[in-house]
C-alpha atoms as a PDB file:
ATOM      1  CA  MET A   1     124.242  13.539 -40.372  1.00  0.00           C
ATOM      2  CA  SER A   2     127.868  14.757 -41.105  1.00  0.00           C
ATOM      3  CA  THR A   3     129.642  15.246 -44.140  1.00  0.00           C
ATOM      4  CA  THR A   4     131.596  11.765 -43.542  1.00  0.00           C
ATOM      5  CA  GLU A   5     128.148   9.648 -42.970  1.00  0.00           C
ATOM      6  CA  SER A   6     126.789  11.517 -46.201  1.00  0.00           C
ATOM      7  CA  ASP A   7     129.464  10.538 -48.149  1.00  0.00           C
ATOM      8  CA  VAL A   8     129.640   6.841 -46.701  1.00  0.00           C
ATOM      9  CA  LEU A   9     126.078   6.672 -47.290  1.00  0.00           C
ATOM     10  CA  ALA A  10     126.759   7.873 -51.026  1.00  0.00           C
ATOM     11  CA  ALA A  11     129.250   5.788 -51.747  1.00  0.00           C
ATOM     12  CA  ALA A  12     127.448   2.619 -50.920  1.00  0.00           C
ATOM     13  CA  GLU A  13     124.424   3.739 -52.831  1.00  0.00           C
ATOM     14  CA  SER A  14     126.567   4.276 -55.507  1.00  0.00           C
ATOM     15  CA  LEU A  15     128.210   0.348 -55.188  1.00  0.00           C
ATOM     16  CA  GLY A  16     124.836  -1.108 -54.618  1.00  0.00           C
ATOM     17  CA  GLU A  17     123.712   0.216 -58.044  1.00  0.00           C
ATOM     18  CA  ALA A  18     126.846  -0.891 -59.683  1.00  0.00           C
ATOM     19  CA  LEU A  19     126.738  -4.193 -58.117  1.00  0.00           C
ATOM     20  CA  ALA A  20     123.211  -4.323 -59.646  1.00  0.00           C
ATOM     21  CA  ASP A  21     123.816  -3.496 -62.488  1.00  0.00           C
ATOM     22  CA  THR A  22     126.954  -6.109 -62.790  1.00  0.00           C
ATOM     23  CA  GLN A  23     124.521  -8.684 -61.686  1.00  0.00           C
ATOM     24  CA  ALA A  24     121.698  -7.926 -64.259  1.00  0.00           C
ATOM     25  CA  GLU A  25     124.788  -8.698 -66.911  1.00  0.00           C
ATOM     26  CA  SER A  26     126.415 -11.478 -65.245  1.00  0.00           C
ATOM     27  CA  THR A  27     125.885 -15.288 -64.818  1.00  0.00           C
ATOM     28  CA  GLU A  28     125.772 -16.425 -61.004  1.00  0.00           C
ATOM     29  CA  SER A  29     129.197 -18.160 -61.183  1.00  0.00           C
ATOM     30  CA  GLU A  30     130.709 -14.692 -62.565  1.00  0.00           C
ATOM     31  CA  PHE A  31     128.790 -12.708 -59.973  1.00  0.00           C
ATOM     32  CA  GLU A  32     129.432 -14.222 -56.706  1.00  0.00           C
ATOM     33  CA  PRO A  33     133.229 -14.074 -56.312  1.00  0.00           C
ATOM     34  CA  LEU A  34     133.101 -10.467 -57.409  1.00  0.00           C
ATOM     35  CA  LEU A  35     130.241 -10.193 -54.393  1.00  0.00           C
ATOM     36  CA  GLU A  36     132.390 -11.847 -51.863  1.00  0.00           C
ATOM     37  CA  GLN A  37     135.364  -9.568 -53.026  1.00  0.00           C
ATOM     38  CA  CYS A  38     133.510  -6.500 -52.335  1.00  0.00           C
ATOM     39  CA  ASN A  39     131.875  -7.948 -48.713  1.00  0.00           C
ATOM     40  CA  GLU A  40     135.417  -8.971 -48.125  1.00  0.00           C
ATOM     41  CA  GLU A  41     136.565  -5.198 -48.635  1.00  0.00           C
ATOM     42  CA  ILE A  42     134.282  -3.432 -46.945  1.00  0.00           C
ATOM     43  CA  SER A  43     134.524  -5.895 -44.031  1.00  0.00           C
ATOM     44  CA  ASN A  44     138.459  -5.182 -44.384  1.00  0.00           C
ATOM     45  CA  THR A  45     137.663  -1.154 -44.490  1.00  0.00           C
ATOM     46  CA  THR A  46     135.012  -0.893 -41.437  1.00  0.00           C
ATOM     47  CA  GLY A  47     136.366  -3.530 -39.327  1.00  0.00           C
ATOM     48  CA  VAL A  48     132.794  -4.911 -39.222  1.00  0.00           C
ATOM     49  CA  GLU A  49     132.271  -8.621 -40.259  1.00  0.00           C
ATOM     50  CA  TYR A  50     129.350  -9.253 -42.738  1.00  0.00           C
ATOM     51  CA  GLY A  51     128.496 -12.871 -41.767  1.00  0.00           C
ATOM     52  CA  GLU A  52     128.440 -11.697 -38.385  1.00  0.00           C
ATOM     53  CA  VAL A  53     125.876  -8.618 -38.716  1.00  0.00           C
ATOM     54  CA  CYS A  54     123.599 -10.788 -41.037  1.00  0.00           C
ATOM     55  CA  GLU A  55     122.984 -14.277 -41.057  1.00  0.00           C
ATOM     56  CA  THR A  56     121.604 -16.137 -43.970  1.00  0.00           C
ATOM     57  CA  SER A  57     118.354 -16.910 -42.047  1.00  0.00           C
ATOM     58  CA  SER A  58     117.981 -13.430 -40.911  1.00  0.00           C
ATOM     59  CA  ASP A  59     115.795 -10.785 -42.934  1.00  0.00           C
ATOM     60  CA  CYS A  60     118.034  -8.124 -41.882  1.00  0.00           C
ATOM     61  CA  CYS A  61     119.841  -7.997 -45.360  1.00  0.00           C
END
């Protein structure tokens, strides 16, 4: 794994932990917009549309 890949995985893990902490401390109506904003920014940065990769009925996510 390259340094870049390691950095990306570390950043994703850190974001996941921060989102889990925020979800535990928030109501659903507070958390949902934040999660949607994160997904949108990830899609904008990576060029991968989250909704196209993981459908709601899929077990992948």
